[in-house]
Amino acid sequence: MKALITDPINSVLRQYLAQGFVIVDTSRNDQGEMTVTALPADTVDITNELRKAAQLPLQKSAVSEAAVSARTLSTSAEGAKQ
């Protein structure tokens, strides 16, 4: 189990840590899918990369269209201030 799941996932996490990323708190929903508690606008979702490393099926992106719209509005508002 360690060689099939833990080692590949730790390898992916180490790659991102080496690039300066911070691993944030996660949780599991009732279906067993892992989700991130909070995301800043420039966070990279590596869930499917971790699942691929462990040879698990990919899951649908947790980023909602509302979050993408909010980020776009935020960027537009910053441009308007200039």
N, C-alpha and C. Protein backbone atom coordinates (compact mmCIF):
# COMPACT_ATOMS: atom_id res chain seq x y z
N MET A 1 0.83 -1.19 0.00
CA MET A 1 0.00 0.00 0.00
C MET A 1 0.87 1.25 0.00
N LYS A 2 1.92 1.27 0.82
CA LYS A 2 2.81 2.42 0.90
C LYS A 2 3.44 2.71 -0.47
N ALA A 3 3.91 1.67 -1.16
CA ALA A 3 4.56 1.86 -2.46
C ALA A 3 3.56 2.30 -3.53
N LEU A 4 2.31 1.91 -3.40
CA LEU A 4 1.31 2.25 -4.41
C LEU A 4 0.64 3.59 -4.19
N ILE A 5 0.48 4.00 -2.94
CA ILE A 5 -0.27 5.22 -2.62
C ILE A 5 0.61 6.29 -1.97
N THR A 6 1.17 5.99 -0.82
CA THR A 6 1.88 6.99 -0.01
C THR A 6 3.12 7.53 -0.71
N ASP A 7 3.97 6.66 -1.23
CA ASP A 7 5.21 7.13 -1.86
C ASP A 7 4.96 8.02 -3.07
N PRO A 8 4.07 7.64 -4.03
CA PRO A 8 3.82 8.53 -5.17
C PRO A 8 3.23 9.88 -4.75
N ILE A 9 2.31 9.87 -3.78
CA ILE A 9 1.72 11.13 -3.32
C ILE A 9 2.77 12.00 -2.64
N ASN A 10 3.60 11.42 -1.79
CA ASN A 10 4.67 12.19 -1.13
C ASN A 10 5.64 12.76 -2.15
N SER A 11 5.90 12.04 -3.22
CA SER A 11 6.80 12.54 -4.27
C SER A 11 6.23 13.80 -4.92
N VAL A 12 4.93 13.78 -5.25
CA VAL A 12 4.30 14.96 -5.85
C VAL A 12 4.30 16.13 -4.86
N LEU A 13 3.97 15.87 -3.60
CA LEU A 13 3.98 16.93 -2.58
C LEU A 13 5.37 17.54 -2.43
N ARG A 14 6.41 16.72 -2.43
CA ARG A 14 7.79 17.24 -2.31
C ARG A 14 8.14 18.14 -3.49
N GLN A 15 7.67 17.79 -4.70
CA GLN A 15 7.94 18.62 -5.88
C GLN A 15 7.37 20.03 -5.67
N TYR A 16 6.15 20.11 -5.18
CA TYR A 16 5.52 21.42 -4.98
C TYR A 16 6.13 22.17 -3.80
N LEU A 17 6.48 21.47 -2.74
CA LEU A 17 7.14 22.12 -1.60
C LEU A 17 8.48 22.71 -2.03
N ALA A 18 9.22 22.00 -2.88
CA ALA A 18 10.52 22.49 -3.37
C ALA A 18 10.36 23.76 -4.20
N GLN A 19 9.18 23.95 -4.82
CA GLN A 19 8.92 25.14 -5.62
C GLN A 19 8.38 26.30 -4.78
N GLY A 20 8.23 26.07 -3.46
CA GLY A 20 7.78 27.14 -2.59
C GLY A 20 6.29 27.15 -2.30
N PHE A 21 5.55 26.14 -2.79
CA PHE A 21 4.12 26.06 -2.49
C PHE A 21 3.91 25.63 -1.06
N VAL A 22 2.77 25.98 -0.49
CA VAL A 22 2.40 25.57 0.86
C VAL A 22 1.23 24.59 0.74
N ILE A 23 1.33 23.46 1.41
CA ILE A 23 0.24 22.49 1.42
C ILE A 23 -0.77 22.93 2.48
N VAL A 24 -2.02 23.16 2.07
CA VAL A 24 -3.04 23.65 2.99
C VAL A 24 -3.87 22.51 3.55
N ASP A 25 -4.62 22.80 4.60
CA ASP A 25 -5.48 21.81 5.25
C ASP A 25 -6.50 21.24 4.28
N THR A 26 -6.72 19.94 4.36
CA THR A 26 -7.69 19.27 3.50
C THR A 26 -8.64 18.43 4.34
N SER A 27 -9.73 18.03 3.73
CA SER A 27 -10.69 17.14 4.40
C SER A 27 -11.31 16.23 3.36
N ARG A 28 -12.08 15.25 3.83
CA ARG A 28 -12.77 14.33 2.93
C ARG A 28 -14.27 14.52 3.06
N ASN A 29 -14.97 14.45 1.92
CA ASN A 29 -16.43 14.51 1.98
C ASN A 29 -17.00 13.11 2.19
N ASP A 30 -18.32 12.98 2.19
CA ASP A 30 -18.97 11.69 2.44
C ASP A 30 -18.64 10.63 1.39
N GLN A 31 -18.26 11.06 0.19
CA GLN A 31 -17.89 10.13 -0.88
C GLN A 31 -16.41 9.75 -0.81
N GLY A 32 -15.68 10.30 0.15
CA GLY A 32 -14.27 9.98 0.30
C GLY A 32 -13.34 10.83 -0.54
N GLU A 33 -13.89 11.83 -1.25
CA GLU A 33 -13.06 12.70 -2.08
C GLU A 33 -12.41 13.76 -1.19
N MET A 34 -11.13 14.03 -1.45
CA MET A 34 -10.40 15.01 -0.66
C MET A 34 -10.67 16.41 -1.22
N THR A 35 -10.92 17.36 -0.33
CA THR A 35 -11.16 18.74 -0.74
C THR A 35 -10.31 19.68 0.11
N VAL A 36 -10.03 20.86 -0.44
CA VAL A 36 -9.25 21.88 0.26
C VAL A 36 -10.20 22.83 0.97
N THR A 37 -9.86 23.20 2.20
CA THR A 37 -10.74 24.03 3.02
C THR A 37 -10.87 25.45 2.47
N ALA A 38 -9.76 26.11 2.13
CA ALA A 38 -9.79 27.48 1.62
C ALA A 38 -8.69 27.67 0.59
N LEU A 39 -8.97 28.51 -0.40
CA LEU A 39 -8.00 28.74 -1.48
C LEU A 39 -7.77 30.22 -1.71
N PRO A 40 -6.53 30.70 -1.67
CA PRO A 40 -6.28 32.06 -2.17
C PRO A 40 -6.40 32.04 -3.69
N ALA A 41 -6.54 33.19 -4.31
CA ALA A 41 -6.78 33.29 -5.75
C ALA A 41 -5.72 32.62 -6.60
N ASP A 42 -4.46 32.59 -6.16
CA ASP A 42 -3.40 32.04 -7.00
C ASP A 42 -2.99 30.62 -6.61
N THR A 43 -3.84 29.90 -5.88
CA THR A 43 -3.54 28.53 -5.46
C THR A 43 -3.64 27.58 -6.64
N VAL A 44 -2.79 26.59 -6.67
CA VAL A 44 -2.80 25.57 -7.71
C VAL A 44 -3.43 24.31 -7.13
N ASP A 45 -4.46 23.78 -7.79
CA ASP A 45 -5.12 22.54 -7.35
C ASP A 45 -4.34 21.36 -7.92
N ILE A 46 -3.69 20.59 -7.04
CA ILE A 46 -2.89 19.43 -7.48
C ILE A 46 -3.58 18.12 -7.14
N THR A 47 -4.87 18.17 -6.81
CA THR A 47 -5.61 16.97 -6.43
C THR A 47 -5.49 15.88 -7.48
N ASN A 48 -5.77 16.20 -8.73
CA ASN A 48 -5.74 15.17 -9.77
C ASN A 48 -4.33 14.69 -10.06
N GLU A 49 -3.34 15.53 -9.87
CA GLU A 49 -1.95 15.08 -10.03
C GLU A 49 -1.61 14.05 -8.96
N LEU A 50 -2.06 14.29 -7.73
CA LEU A 50 -1.86 13.32 -6.65
C LEU A 50 -2.62 12.03 -6.93
N ARG A 51 -3.86 12.15 -7.41
CA ARG A 51 -4.65 10.95 -7.71
C ARG A 51 -4.01 10.16 -8.84
N LYS A 52 -3.47 10.85 -9.85
CA LYS A 52 -2.80 10.16 -10.96
C LYS A 52 -1.56 9.43 -10.45
N ALA A 53 -0.79 10.06 -9.56
CA ALA A 53 0.41 9.43 -9.01
C ALA A 53 0.06 8.14 -8.26
N ALA A 54 -1.10 8.13 -7.61
CA ALA A 54 -1.54 6.95 -6.85
C ALA A 54 -2.40 6.02 -7.71
N GLN A 55 -2.49 6.31 -9.01
CA GLN A 55 -3.27 5.52 -9.97
C GLN A 55 -4.74 5.43 -9.56
N LEU A 56 -5.30 6.55 -9.13
CA LEU A 56 -6.71 6.64 -8.78
C LEU A 56 -7.44 7.43 -9.87
N PRO A 57 -8.75 7.24 -10.01
CA PRO A 57 -9.48 8.01 -11.03
C PRO A 57 -9.46 9.51 -10.71
N LEU A 58 -9.43 10.32 -11.76
CA LEU A 58 -9.43 11.77 -11.58
C LEU A 58 -10.79 12.21 -11.05
N GLN A 59 -10.80 13.33 -10.31
CA GLN A 59 -12.07 13.85 -9.82
C GLN A 59 -12.34 15.21 -10.40
N LYS A 60 -13.60 15.59 -10.42
CA LYS A 60 -14.03 16.87 -10.97
C LYS A 60 -13.40 18.00 -10.17
N SER A 61 -13.04 19.08 -10.83
CA SER A 61 -12.42 20.23 -10.18
C SER A 61 -13.32 20.79 -9.09
N ALA A 62 -12.72 21.13 -7.95
CA ALA A 62 -13.47 21.68 -6.82
C ALA A 62 -13.71 23.17 -6.97
N VAL A 63 -13.02 23.82 -7.92
CA VAL A 63 -13.18 25.26 -8.13
C VAL A 63 -14.50 25.50 -8.84
N SER A 64 -15.38 26.25 -8.22
CA SER A 64 -16.68 26.52 -8.82
C SER A 64 -16.60 27.70 -9.78
N GLU A 65 -17.59 27.79 -10.65
CA GLU A 65 -17.63 28.93 -11.57
C GLU A 65 -17.80 30.23 -10.81
N ALA A 66 -18.46 30.18 -9.66
CA ALA A 66 -18.63 31.39 -8.85
C ALA A 66 -17.28 31.91 -8.37
N ALA A 67 -16.39 30.99 -7.98
CA ALA A 67 -15.06 31.40 -7.52
C ALA A 67 -14.28 32.03 -8.66
N VAL A 68 -14.38 31.44 -9.85
CA VAL A 68 -13.68 31.99 -11.02
C VAL A 68 -14.25 33.36 -11.34
N SER A 69 -15.57 33.51 -11.30
CA SER A 69 -16.20 34.81 -11.56
C SER A 69 -15.77 35.84 -10.53
N ALA A 70 -15.72 35.45 -9.27
CA ALA A 70 -15.31 36.37 -8.21
C ALA A 70 -13.88 36.84 -8.44
N ARG A 71 -13.00 35.93 -8.86
CA ARG A 71 -11.62 36.30 -9.12
C ARG A 71 -11.57 37.29 -10.28
N THR A 72 -12.36 37.06 -11.34
CA THR A 72 -12.40 37.95 -12.49
C THR A 72 -12.90 39.33 -12.08
N LEU A 73 -13.97 39.36 -11.29
CA LEU A 73 -14.49 40.64 -10.81
C LEU A 73 -13.48 41.38 -9.97
N SER A 74 -12.76 40.66 -9.12
CA SER A 74 -11.74 41.26 -8.27
C SER A 74 -10.65 41.89 -9.12
N THR A 75 -10.21 41.17 -10.14
CA THR A 75 -9.16 41.68 -11.02
C THR A 75 -9.67 42.91 -11.77
N SER A 76 -10.92 42.86 -12.25
CA SER A 76 -11.49 44.00 -12.97
C SER A 76 -11.60 45.22 -12.07
N ALA A 77 -11.99 45.01 -10.83
CA ALA A 77 -12.12 46.12 -9.89
C ALA A 77 -10.77 46.77 -9.62
N GLU A 78 -9.72 45.96 -9.53
CA GLU A 78 -8.39 46.52 -9.31
C GLU A 78 -7.98 47.39 -10.48
N GLY A 79 -8.30 46.96 -11.71
CA GLY A 79 -7.98 47.74 -12.89
C GLY A 79 -8.73 49.06 -12.91
N ALA A 80 -9.95 49.06 -12.40
CA ALA A 80 -10.76 50.27 -12.39
C ALA A 80 -10.22 51.30 -11.41
N LYS A 81 -9.53 50.86 -10.38
CA LYS A 81 -8.99 51.78 -9.37
C LYS A 81 -7.83 52.60 -9.90
N GLN A 82 -7.17 52.10 -10.93
CA GLN A 82 -5.96 52.78 -11.41
C GLN A 82 -6.27 54.04 -12.13
